[in-house]
PDB file of N, CA and C in Angstrom:
ATOM      1  N   MET A   1     -62.909 -38.048  58.451  1.00  0.00           N
ATOM      2  CA  MET A   1     -62.227 -37.046  59.890  1.00  0.00           C
ATOM      3  C   MET A   1     -60.923 -38.235  60.494  1.00  0.00           C
ATOM      4  N   LYS A   2     -59.668 -37.834  61.031  1.00  0.00           N
ATOM      5  CA  LYS A   2     -58.140 -39.113  61.693  1.00  0.00           C
ATOM      6  C   LYS A   2     -59.633 -39.553  62.569  1.00  0.00           C
ATOM      7  N   LYS A   3     -58.937 -40.177  62.664  1.00  0.00           N
ATOM      8  CA  LYS A   3     -59.625 -41.245  64.268  1.00  0.00           C
ATOM      9  C   LYS A   3     -58.560 -41.061  65.297  1.00  0.00           C
ATOM     10  N   GLY A   4     -59.160 -40.882  66.681  1.00  0.00           N
ATOM     11  CA  GLY A   4     -58.041 -41.033  67.645  1.00  0.00           C
ATOM     12  C   GLY A   4     -57.948 -39.663  68.268  1.00  0.00           C
ATOM     13  N   ILE A   5     -58.460 -38.703  67.658  1.00  0.00           N
ATOM     14  CA  ILE A   5     -57.595 -37.350  67.807  1.00  0.00           C
ATOM     15  C   ILE A   5     -58.799 -36.495  68.349  1.00  0.00           C
ATOM     16  N   HIS A   6     -60.627 -37.682  68.536  1.00  0.00           N
ATOM     17  CA  HIS A   6     -61.539 -36.052  68.860  1.00  0.00           C
ATOM     18  C   HIS A   6     -61.619 -36.878  70.238  1.00  0.00           C
ATOM     19  N   PRO A   7     -62.013 -36.441  71.443  1.00  0.00           N
ATOM     20  CA  PRO A   7     -62.646 -36.502  72.720  1.00  0.00           C
ATOM     21  C   PRO A   7     -64.242 -37.413  72.156  1.00  0.00           C
ATOM     22  N   LYS A   8     -63.706 -38.368  73.151  1.00  0.00           N
ATOM     23  CA  LYS A   8     -65.494 -39.288  73.385  1.00  0.00           C
ATOM     24  C   LYS A   8     -65.816 -38.876  74.727  1.00  0.00           C
ATOM     25  N   GLU A   9     -66.122 -38.697  75.678  1.00  0.00           N
ATOM     26  CA  GLU A   9     -66.560 -37.654  76.517  1.00  0.00           C
ATOM     27  C   GLU A   9     -66.469 -36.844  76.550  1.00  0.00           C
ATOM     28  N   TYR A  10     -67.937 -36.356  75.589  1.00  0.00           N
ATOM     29  CA  TYR A  10     -68.711 -35.382  76.690  1.00  0.00           C
ATOM     30  C   TYR A  10     -69.755 -35.656  77.115  1.00  0.00           C
ATOM     31  N   ARG A  11     -69.576 -33.913  77.746  1.00  0.00           N
ATOM     32  CA  ARG A  11     -71.244 -34.320  79.309  1.00  0.00           C
ATOM     33  C   ARG A  11     -71.904 -33.387  78.431  1.00  0.00           C
ATOM     34  N   LEU A  12     -73.054 -32.872  79.760  1.00  0.00           N
ATOM     35  CA  LEU A  12     -73.368 -31.825  79.591  1.00  0.00           C
ATOM     36  C   LEU A  12     -72.882 -30.578  80.464  1.00  0.00           C
ATOM     37  N   VAL A  13     -73.096 -29.438  80.119  1.00  0.00           N
ATOM     38  CA  VAL A  13     -72.696 -28.591  81.647  1.00  0.00           C
ATOM     39  C   VAL A  13     -73.200 -26.921  81.226  1.00  0.00           C
ATOM     40  N   VAL A  14     -73.012 -26.281  82.281  1.00  0.00           N
ATOM     41  CA  VAL A  14     -74.122 -25.435  82.154  1.00  0.00           C
ATOM     42  C   VAL A  14     -73.083 -24.625  82.132  1.00  0.00           C
ATOM     43  N   PHE A  15     -72.390 -23.364  80.946  1.00  0.00           N
ATOM     44  CA  PHE A  15     -71.904 -22.353  81.086  1.00  0.00           C
ATOM     45  C   PHE A  15     -72.456 -21.050  81.619  1.00  0.00           C
ATOM     46  N   LYS A  16     -71.887 -20.175  82.083  1.00  0.00           N
ATOM     47  CA  LYS A  16     -72.185 -19.358  82.814  1.00  0.00           C
ATOM     48  C   LYS A  16     -71.950 -17.697  82.044  1.00  0.00           C
ATOM     49  N   ASP A  17     -72.219 -16.636  81.708  1.00  0.00           N
ATOM     50  CA  ASP A  17     -72.047 -15.289  81.200  1.00  0.00           C
ATOM     51  C   ASP A  17     -71.865 -14.454  82.765  1.00  0.00           C
ATOM     52  N   MET A  18     -70.358 -14.374  83.480  1.00  0.00           N
ATOM     53  CA  MET A  18     -70.409 -13.783  84.730  1.00  0.00           C
ATOM     54  C   MET A  18     -70.884 -12.270  85.110  1.00  0.00           C
ATOM     55  N   SER A  19     -70.688 -10.876  83.965  1.00  0.00           N
ATOM     56  CA  SER A  19     -71.189 -10.264  83.326  1.00  0.00           C
ATOM     57  C   SER A  19     -73.017  -9.934  83.071  1.00  0.00           C
ATOM     58  N   ASN A  20     -73.630 -11.045  83.229  1.00  0.00           N
ATOM     59  CA  ASN A  20     -75.099 -10.717  82.751  1.00  0.00           C
ATOM     60  C   ASN A  20     -75.676 -11.477  83.645  1.00  0.00           C
ATOM     61  N   GLU A  21     -75.068 -12.508  84.643  1.00  0.00           N
ATOM     62  CA  GLU A  21     -75.346 -13.881  84.676  1.00  0.00           C
ATOM     63  C   GLU A  21     -76.957 -14.424  83.724  1.00  0.00           C
ATOM     64  N   TYR A  22     -76.174 -14.704  82.415  1.00  0.00           N
ATOM     65  CA  TYR A  22     -76.722 -15.720  81.544  1.00  0.00           C
ATOM     66  C   TYR A  22     -76.565 -16.565  81.659  1.00  0.00           C
ATOM     67  N   SER A  23     -76.953 -18.103  81.261  1.00  0.00           N
ATOM     68  CA  SER A  23     -76.340 -19.234  81.493  1.00  0.00           C
ATOM     69  C   SER A  23     -77.323 -20.277  80.655  1.00  0.00           C
ATOM     70  N   PHE A  24     -75.631 -20.925  79.707  1.00  0.00           N
ATOM     71  CA  PHE A  24     -77.088 -22.017  78.825  1.00  0.00           C
ATOM     72  C   PHE A  24     -76.069 -23.068  79.115  1.00  0.00           C
ATOM     73  N   ILE A  25     -77.072 -24.277  78.534  1.00  0.00           N
ATOM     74  CA  ILE A  25     -76.267 -25.768  78.805  1.00  0.00           C
ATOM     75  C   ILE A  25     -76.553 -26.401  77.696  1.00  0.00           C
ATOM     76  N   THR A  26     -75.205 -26.751  77.699  1.00  0.00           N
ATOM     77  CA  THR A  26     -74.464 -27.545  75.871  1.00  0.00           C
ATOM     78  C   THR A  26     -73.347 -28.854  76.560  1.00  0.00           C
ATOM     79  N   ARG A  27     -73.538 -29.942  75.955  1.00  0.00           N
ATOM     80  CA  ARG A  27     -71.933 -31.092  75.506  1.00  0.00           C
ATOM     81  C   ARG A  27     -70.689 -29.888  75.708  1.00  0.00           C
ATOM     82  N   SER A  28     -69.790 -30.755  76.375  1.00  0.00           N
ATOM     83  CA  SER A  28     -68.558 -30.183  75.843  1.00  0.00           C
ATOM     84  C   SER A  28     -67.924 -30.814  77.024  1.00  0.00           C
ATOM     85  N   THR A  29     -66.703 -31.239  76.773  1.00  0.00           N
ATOM     86  CA  THR A  29     -65.228 -31.787  77.670  1.00  0.00           C
ATOM     87  C   THR A  29     -64.782 -31.447  78.222  1.00  0.00           C
ATOM     88  N   ALA A  30     -64.902 -29.330  78.630  1.00  0.00           N
ATOM     89  CA  ALA A  30     -64.166 -28.629  79.270  1.00  0.00           C
ATOM     90  C   ALA A  30     -64.829 -28.989  80.690  1.00  0.00           C
ATOM     91  N   GLN A  31     -63.311 -29.310  81.627  1.00  0.00           N
ATOM     92  CA  GLN A  31     -62.899 -29.924  82.821  1.00  0.00           C
ATOM     93  C   GLN A  31     -63.514 -28.188  84.204  1.00  0.00           C
ATOM     94  N   THR A  32     -64.084 -28.849  85.166  1.00  0.00           N
ATOM     95  CA  THR A  32     -64.293 -27.721  86.074  1.00  0.00           C
ATOM     96  C   THR A  32     -63.937 -28.672  87.423  1.00  0.00           C
ATOM     97  N   LYS A  33     -64.455 -27.574  87.971  1.00  0.00           N
ATOM     98  CA  LYS A  33     -64.580 -28.133  90.111  1.00  0.00           C
ATOM     99  C   LYS A  33     -65.824 -27.757  90.511  1.00  0.00           C
ATOM    100  N   GLU A  34     -66.558 -26.553  89.602  1.00  0.00           N
ATOM    101  CA  GLU A  34     -67.321 -26.272  89.954  1.00  0.00           C
ATOM    102  C   GLU A  34     -68.789 -26.448  89.211  1.00  0.00           C
ATOM    103  N   SER A  35     -69.894 -26.692  90.400  1.00  0.00           N
ATOM    104  CA  SER A  35     -71.175 -26.976  89.725  1.00  0.00           C
ATOM    105  C   SER A  35     -72.414 -26.419  89.971  1.00  0.00           C
ATOM    106  N   VAL A  36     -73.702 -26.211  89.591  1.00  0.00           N
ATOM    107  CA  VAL A  36     -74.819 -25.845  89.726  1.00  0.00           C
ATOM    108  C   VAL A  36     -75.805 -26.568  89.458  1.00  0.00           C
ATOM    109  N   VAL A  37     -76.900 -26.052  89.662  1.00  0.00           N
ATOM    110  CA  VAL A  37     -78.435 -26.546  89.793  1.00  0.00           C
ATOM    111  C   VAL A  37     -78.727 -26.015  88.810  1.00  0.00           C
ATOM    112  N   TRP A  38     -79.471 -26.900  87.594  1.00  0.00           N
ATOM    113  CA  TRP A  38     -79.789 -26.653  86.668  1.00  0.00           C
ATOM    114  C   TRP A  38     -81.228 -26.438  86.873  1.00  0.00           C
ATOM    115  N   GLU A  39     -82.116 -25.619  86.012  1.00  0.00           N
ATOM    116  CA  GLU A  39     -83.682 -25.385  86.335  1.00  0.00           C
ATOM    117  C   GLU A  39     -84.163 -26.959  86.114  1.00  0.00           C
ATOM    118  N   ASP A  40     -84.171 -27.828  85.364  1.00  0.00           N
ATOM    119  CA  ASP A  40     -85.015 -29.435  85.281  1.00  0.00           C
ATOM    120  C   ASP A  40     -83.976 -29.872  86.996  1.00  0.00           C
ATOM    121  N   GLY A  41     -82.970 -29.105  87.828  1.00  0.00           N
ATOM    122  CA  GLY A  41     -83.468 -30.130  89.040  1.00  0.00           C
ATOM    123  C   GLY A  41     -82.110 -30.980  89.126  1.00  0.00           C
ATOM    124  N   LYS A  42     -81.471 -30.693  87.909  1.00  0.00           N
ATOM    125  CA  LYS A  42     -80.419 -31.980  88.124  1.00  0.00           C
ATOM    126  C   LYS A  42     -79.212 -31.061  88.188  1.00  0.00           C
ATOM    127  N   GLU A  43     -77.355 -31.953  88.794  1.00  0.00           N
ATOM    128  CA  GLU A  43     -76.924 -30.987  89.236  1.00  0.00           C
ATOM    129  C   GLU A  43     -75.774 -31.265  87.561  1.00  0.00           C
ATOM    130  N   TYR A  44     -75.073 -30.018  87.489  1.00  0.00           N
ATOM    131  CA  TYR A  44     -73.881 -29.689  86.034  1.00  0.00           C
ATOM    132  C   TYR A  44     -72.787 -29.278  86.670  1.00  0.00           C
ATOM    133  N   PRO A  45     -71.566 -29.606  85.937  1.00  0.00           N
ATOM    134  CA  PRO A  45     -70.471 -28.918  86.067  1.00  0.00           C
ATOM    135  C   PRO A  45     -70.663 -27.176  85.653  1.00  0.00           C
ATOM    136  N   LEU A  46     -69.844 -26.188  85.907  1.00  0.00           N
ATOM    137  CA  LEU A  46     -70.501 -24.890  85.815  1.00  0.00           C
ATOM    138  C   LEU A  46     -68.717 -24.377  85.384  1.00  0.00           C
ATOM    139  N   VAL A  47     -69.280 -24.166  84.428  1.00  0.00           N
ATOM    140  CA  VAL A  47     -68.046 -22.839  83.817  1.00  0.00           C
ATOM    141  C   VAL A  47     -68.174 -21.522  83.637  1.00  0.00           C
ATOM    142  N   LYS A  48     -67.290 -21.061  83.990  1.00  0.00           N
ATOM    143  CA  LYS A  48     -68.177 -19.129  84.230  1.00  0.00           C
ATOM    144  C   LYS A  48     -67.090 -18.581  82.866  1.00  0.00           C
ATOM    145  N   LEU A  49     -67.815 -17.666  82.252  1.00  0.00           N
ATOM    146  CA  LEU A  49     -66.995 -16.763  80.910  1.00  0.00           C
ATOM    147  C   LEU A  49     -67.368 -15.977  81.516  1.00  0.00           C
ATOM    148  N   GLU A  50     -66.179 -14.510  80.226  1.00  0.00           N
ATOM    149  CA  GLU A  50     -65.870 -13.458  80.694  1.00  0.00           C
ATOM    150  C   GLU A  50     -66.851 -12.801  80.437  1.00  0.00           C
ATOM    151  N   ILE A  51     -67.429 -13.194  78.749  1.00  0.00           N
ATOM    152  CA  ILE A  51     -68.224 -12.623  78.130  1.00  0.00           C
ATOM    153  C   ILE A  51     -69.176 -13.428  77.110  1.00  0.00           C
ATOM    154  N   SER A  52     -69.905 -13.643  76.133  1.00  0.00           N
ATOM    155  CA  SER A  52     -70.773 -14.332  75.607  1.00  0.00           C
ATOM    156  C   SER A  52     -70.995 -13.753  74.510  1.00  0.00           C
ATOM    157  N   HIS A  53     -72.513 -14.595  73.568  1.00  0.00           N
ATOM    158  CA  HIS A  53     -72.886 -14.004  73.205  1.00  0.00           C
ATOM    159  C   HIS A  53     -74.015 -13.049  73.622  1.00  0.00           C
ATOM    160  N   THR A  54     -74.317 -12.892  74.359  1.00  0.00           N
ATOM    161  CA  THR A  54     -75.272 -11.958  75.353  1.00  0.00           C
ATOM    162  C   THR A  54     -74.856 -10.520  75.701  1.00  0.00           C
ATOM    163  N   SER A  55     -73.108 -10.525  75.886  1.00  0.00           N
ATOM    164  CA  SER A  55     -72.565  -9.585  76.181  1.00  0.00           C
ATOM    165  C   SER A  55     -71.521  -8.808  75.053  1.00  0.00           C
ATOM    166  N   HIS A  56     -71.470  -9.544  74.760  1.00  0.00           N
ATOM    167  CA  HIS A  56     -70.211  -9.279  73.419  1.00  0.00           C
ATOM    168  C   HIS A  56     -71.036  -7.687  72.066  1.00  0.00           C
ATOM    169  N   PRO A  57     -70.369  -7.271  72.345  1.00  0.00           N
ATOM    170  CA  PRO A  57     -70.271  -5.692  71.506  1.00  0.00           C
ATOM    171  C   PRO A  57     -70.893  -6.246  70.209  1.00  0.00           C
ATOM    172  N   PHE A  58     -70.435  -7.413  69.804  1.00  0.00           N
ATOM    173  CA  PHE A  58     -70.526  -7.219  68.246  1.00  0.00           C
ATOM    174  C   PHE A  58     -72.243  -8.262  68.077  1.00  0.00           C
ATOM    175  N   TYR A  59     -72.645  -9.070  69.161  1.00  0.00           N
ATOM    176  CA  TYR A  59     -73.987  -9.738  68.806  1.00  0.00           C
ATOM    177  C   TYR A  59     -75.001  -8.450  69.085  1.00  0.00           C
ATOM    178  N   THR A  60     -74.600  -7.447  70.605  1.00  0.00           N
ATOM    179  CA  THR A  60     -75.753  -6.468  71.118  1.00  0.00           C
ATOM    180  C   THR A  60     -75.741  -4.897  70.634  1.00  0.00           C
ATOM    181  N   GLY A  61     -75.089  -4.919  69.432  1.00  0.00           N
ATOM    182  CA  GLY A  61     -74.728  -3.431  68.794  1.00  0.00           C
ATOM    183  C   GLY A  61     -74.401  -2.400  69.699  1.00  0.00           C
ATOM    184  N   LYS A  62     -74.143  -3.087  71.181  1.00  0.00           N
ATOM    185  CA  LYS A  62     -73.596  -1.707  72.734  1.00  0.00           C
ATOM    186  C   LYS A  62     -72.633  -1.799  72.942  1.00  0.00           C
ATOM    187  N   MET A  63     -71.362  -0.242  73.045  1.00  0.00           N
ATOM    188  CA  MET A  63     -70.266  -0.539  73.171  1.00  0.00           C
ATOM    189  C   MET A  63     -70.296  -1.090  74.806  1.00  0.00           C
ATOM    190  N   LYS A  64     -69.749  -1.742  75.234  1.00  0.00           N
ATOM    191  CA  LYS A  64     -70.046  -1.617  76.735  1.00  0.00           C
ATOM    192  C   LYS A  64     -68.123  -1.929  77.095  1.00  0.00           C
ATOM    193  N   PHE A  65     -68.068  -1.800  78.059  1.00  0.00           N
ATOM    194  CA  PHE A  65     -66.668  -1.396  78.950  1.00  0.00           C
ATOM    195  C   PHE A  65     -66.790  -2.417  79.917  1.00  0.00           C
ATOM    196  N   VAL A  66     -65.879  -3.135  79.150  1.00  0.00           N
ATOM    197  CA  VAL A  66     -65.583  -5.056  79.746  1.00  0.00           C
ATOM    198  C   VAL A  66     -63.939  -4.430  81.225  1.00  0.00           C
ATOM    199  N   ASP A  67     -63.887  -4.644  82.022  1.00  0.00           N
ATOM    200  CA  ASP A  67     -62.442  -4.762  82.635  1.00  0.00           C
ATOM    201  C   ASP A  67     -62.319  -5.274  83.223  1.00  0.00           C
ATOM    202  N   THR A  68     -62.519  -7.381  83.015  1.00  0.00           N
ATOM    203  CA  THR A  68     -62.614  -7.986  84.063  1.00  0.00           C
ATOM    204  C   THR A  68     -60.703  -7.869  84.543  1.00  0.00           C
ATOM    205  N   ALA A  69     -61.055  -8.748  85.141  1.00  0.00           N
ATOM    206  CA  ALA A  69     -59.188  -8.770  86.024  1.00  0.00           C
ATOM    207  C   ALA A  69     -58.796  -7.347  86.467  1.00  0.00           C
ATOM    208  N   GLY A  70     -59.426  -6.529  85.818  1.00  0.00           N
ATOM    209  CA  GLY A  70     -58.578  -5.130  86.770  1.00  0.00           C
ATOM    210  C   GLY A  70     -57.658  -5.300  85.614  1.00  0.00           C
ATOM    211  N   ARG A  71     -57.548  -4.964  84.465  1.00  0.00           N
ATOM    212  CA  ARG A  71     -56.645  -4.709  83.086  1.00  0.00           C
ATOM    213  C   ARG A  71     -56.454  -3.637  83.501  1.00  0.00           C
ATOM    214  N   VAL A  72     -57.338  -2.467  83.277  1.00  0.00           N
ATOM    215  CA  VAL A  72     -56.965  -1.224  83.120  1.00  0.00           C
ATOM    216  C   VAL A  72     -56.256  -1.288  84.817  1.00  0.00           C
ATOM    217  N   ASP A  73     -56.371  -1.021  85.745  1.00  0.00           N
ATOM    218  CA  ASP A  73     -55.242  -1.216  86.678  1.00  0.00           C
ATOM    219  C   ASP A  73     -54.267  -1.505  86.875  1.00  0.00           C
ATOM    220  N   LYS A  74     -53.691  -2.414  86.280  1.00  0.00           N
ATOM    221  CA  LYS A  74     -53.239  -3.802  86.472  1.00  0.00           C
ATOM    222  C   LYS A  74     -52.032  -2.412  85.531  1.00  0.00           C
ATOM    223  N   PHE A  75     -52.462  -2.124  84.029  1.00  0.00           N
ATOM    224  CA  PHE A  75     -51.514  -1.609  83.689  1.00  0.00           C
ATOM    225  C   PHE A  75     -51.681   0.025  84.178  1.00  0.00           C
ATOM    226  N   ASN A  76     -52.294   0.880  84.556  1.00  0.00           N
ATOM    227  CA  ASN A  76     -51.509   2.186  85.414  1.00  0.00           C
ATOM    228  C   ASN A  76     -50.940   1.577  86.421  1.00  0.00           C
ATOM    229  N   THR A  77     -51.382   1.294  86.956  1.00  0.00           N
ATOM    230  CA  THR A  77     -49.786   0.657  87.653  1.00  0.00           C
ATOM    231  C   THR A  77     -48.556   0.068  87.425  1.00  0.00           C
ATOM    232  N   ARG A  78     -48.481  -0.530  85.901  1.00  0.00           N
ATOM    233  CA  ARG A  78     -47.079  -1.161  85.917  1.00  0.00           C
ATOM    234  C   ARG A  78     -46.496   0.713  84.995  1.00  0.00           C
ATOM    235  N   TYR A  79     -47.236   1.270  84.432  1.00  0.00           N
ATOM    236  CA  TYR A  79     -46.758   1.851  84.146  1.00  0.00           C
ATOM    237  C   TYR A  79     -46.653   3.188  84.503  1.00  0.00           C
ATOM    238  N   LYS A  80     -47.343   3.596  85.249  1.00  0.00           N
ATOM    239  CA  LYS A  80     -47.375   4.810  86.526  1.00  0.00           C
ATOM    240  C   LYS A  80     -46.114   5.769  86.184  1.00  0.00           C
ATOM    241  N   LYS A  81     -45.074   5.591  86.598  1.00  0.00           N
ATOM    242  CA  LYS A  81     -43.651   6.267  86.172  1.00  0.00           C
ATOM    243  C   LYS A  81     -43.778   6.777  84.791  1.00  0.00           C
ATOM    244  N   HIS A  82     -44.280   5.603  83.828  1.00  0.00           N
ATOM    245  CA  HIS A  82     -43.831   6.450  82.722  1.00  0.00           C
ATOM    246  C   HIS A  82     -45.123   7.326  82.036  1.00  0.00           C
ATOM    247  N   ILE A  83     -46.244   7.153  82.866  1.00  0.00           N
ATOM    248  CA  ILE A  83     -47.552   7.948  82.310  1.00  0.00           C
ATOM    249  C   ILE A  83     -47.267   9.222  82.998  1.00  0.00           C
ATOM    250  N   SER A  84     -46.725   9.380  84.694  1.00  0.00           N
ATOM    251  CA  SER A  84     -46.363  10.911  85.450  1.00  0.00           C
ATOM    252  C   SER A  84     -45.230  11.657  84.519  1.00  0.00           C
ATOM    253  N   LYS A  85     -44.248  10.895  84.329  1.00  0.00           N
ATOM    254  CA  LYS A  85     -43.320  11.633  83.457  1.00  0.00           C
ATOM    255  C   LYS A  85     -43.855  12.341  82.288  1.00  0.00           C
ATOM    256  N   LYS A  86     -44.344  11.327  81.670  1.00  0.00           N
ATOM    257  CA  LYS A  86     -45.157  12.538  80.207  1.00  0.00           C
ATOM    258  C   LYS A  86     -46.212  13.237  81.097  1.00  0.00           C
ATOM    259  N   ALA A  87     -47.243  13.359  82.045  1.00  0.00           N
ATOM    260  CA  ALA A  87     -47.670  14.658  82.647  1.00  0.00           C
ATOM    261  C   ALA A  87     -47.070  15.745  83.671  1.00  0.00           C
ATOM    262  N   GLU A  88     -45.559  15.507  84.050  1.00  0.00           N
ATOM    263  CA  GLU A  88     -45.591  16.865  83.733  1.00  0.00           C
ATOM    264  C   GLU A  88     -44.479  17.547  83.094  1.00  0.00           C
ATOM    265  N   PRO A  89     -44.840  18.446  83.127  1.00  0.00           N
ATOM    266  CA  PRO A  89     -43.926  19.021  81.636  1.00  0.00           C
ATOM    267  C   PRO A  89     -42.284  18.890  82.232  1.00  0.00           C
ATOM    268  N   GLN A  90     -41.796  19.196  81.132  1.00  0.00           N
ATOM    269  CA  GLN A  90     -40.167  19.272  81.175  1.00  0.00           C
ATOM    270  C   GLN A  90     -39.463  20.160  81.208  1.00  0.00           C
ATOM    271  N   GLN A  91     -38.615  20.797  82.023  1.00  0.00           N
ATOM    272  CA  GLN A  91     -38.333  22.038  82.366  1.00  0.00           C
ATOM    273  C   GLN A  91     -36.145  22.012  82.656  1.00  0.00           C
ATOM    274  N   GLU A  92     -36.409  22.136  81.321  1.00  0.00           N
ATOM    275  CA  GLU A  92     -35.051  22.136  81.261  1.00  0.00           C
ATOM    276  C   GLU A  92     -34.791  23.288  80.997  1.00  0.00           C
ATOM    277  N   GLU A  93     -33.217  23.950  81.600  1.00  0.00           N
ATOM    278  CA  GLU A  93     -32.324  24.515  81.537  1.00  0.00           C
ATOM    279  C   GLU A  93     -32.196  25.069  80.035  1.00  0.00           C
ATOM    280  N   PRO A  94     -32.127  26.841  79.771  1.00  0.00           N
ATOM    281  CA  PRO A  94     -32.551  27.246  78.021  1.00  0.00           C
ATOM    282  C   PRO A  94     -30.194  26.851  78.436  1.00  0.00           C
ATOM    283  N   GLN A  95     -30.567  26.469  76.934  1.00  0.00           N
ATOM    284  CA  GLN A  95     -28.542  26.034  76.840  1.00  0.00           C
ATOM    285  C   GLN A  95     -27.982  27.245  76.657  1.00  0.00           C
ATOM    286  N   GLN A  96     -27.168  28.140  76.809  1.00  0.00           N
ATOM    287  CA  GLN A  96     -26.137  29.275  76.821  1.00  0.00           C
ATOM    288  C   GLN A  96     -25.509  28.093  75.764  1.00  0.00           C
ATOM    289  N   GLU A  97     -25.451  29.450  74.362  1.00  0.00           N
ATOM    290  CA  GLU A  97     -24.639  29.195  73.701  1.00  0.00           C
ATOM    291  C   GLU A  97     -23.208  29.591  73.196  1.00  0.00           C
ATOM    292  N   GLU A  98     -22.177  29.036  73.191  1.00  0.00           N
ATOM    293  CA  GLU A  98     -21.416  29.116  73.590  1.00  0.00           C
ATOM    294  C   GLU A  98     -20.108  30.161  72.629  1.00  0.00           C
ATOM    295  N   PRO A  99     -20.229  31.165  72.693  1.00  0.00           N
ATOM    296  CA  PRO A  99     -19.479  32.386  71.297  1.00  0.00           C
ATOM    297  C   PRO A  99     -18.702  31.502  70.407  1.00  0.00           C
ATOM    298  N   GLN A 100     -19.086  31.298  68.702  1.00  0.00           N
ATOM    299  CA  GLN A 100     -18.204  30.706  67.789  1.00  0.00           C
ATOM    300  C   GLN A 100     -16.908  31.448  67.548  1.00  0.00           C
ATOM    301  N   LYS A 101     -15.652  30.684  67.844  1.00  0.00           N
ATOM    302  CA  LYS A 101     -14.153  31.449  67.410  1.00  0.00           C
ATOM    303  C   LYS A 101     -14.008  31.463  66.378  1.00  0.00           C
ATOM    304  N   THR A 102     -13.857  32.961  65.813  1.00  0.00           N
ATOM    305  CA  THR A 102     -13.792  32.540  63.838  1.00  0.00           C
ATOM    306  C   THR A 102     -12.067  32.794  63.695  1.00  0.00           C
ATOM    307  N   GLU A 103     -11.381  32.241  63.142  1.00  0.00           N
ATOM    308  CA  GLU A 103      -9.641  33.167  63.365  1.00  0.00           C
ATOM    309  C   GLU A 103      -9.813  33.750  61.862  1.00  0.00           C
ATOM    310  N   GLU A 104      -9.494  34.622  62.297  1.00  0.00           N
ATOM    311  CA  GLU A 104      -9.456  35.331  61.201  1.00  0.00           C
ATOM    312  C   GLU A 104      -7.851  35.830  60.724  1.00  0.00           C
TER     313      GLU A 104
END
């Protein structure tokens, strides 16, 4: 291992899965401004997770739709014009063919 590239200040941090309220404590260097009182009565820094092993479909075997931060809504509003154009049938006037001039 190279010396001097690994952090030295590990501390106990609580990670909380916000989709199912599951929490676990481990050592980490993650910086956070929030804190929470753990089961042992001590206060630890809190890192909020959007997904963890208790809510990820690979580990649970269940397909669950997780729309964090409104990603689907953002997509729909961004591409609203494009989607509405495809939804409306294109009404084009039939083109009249010009009679071909034949030289005799």
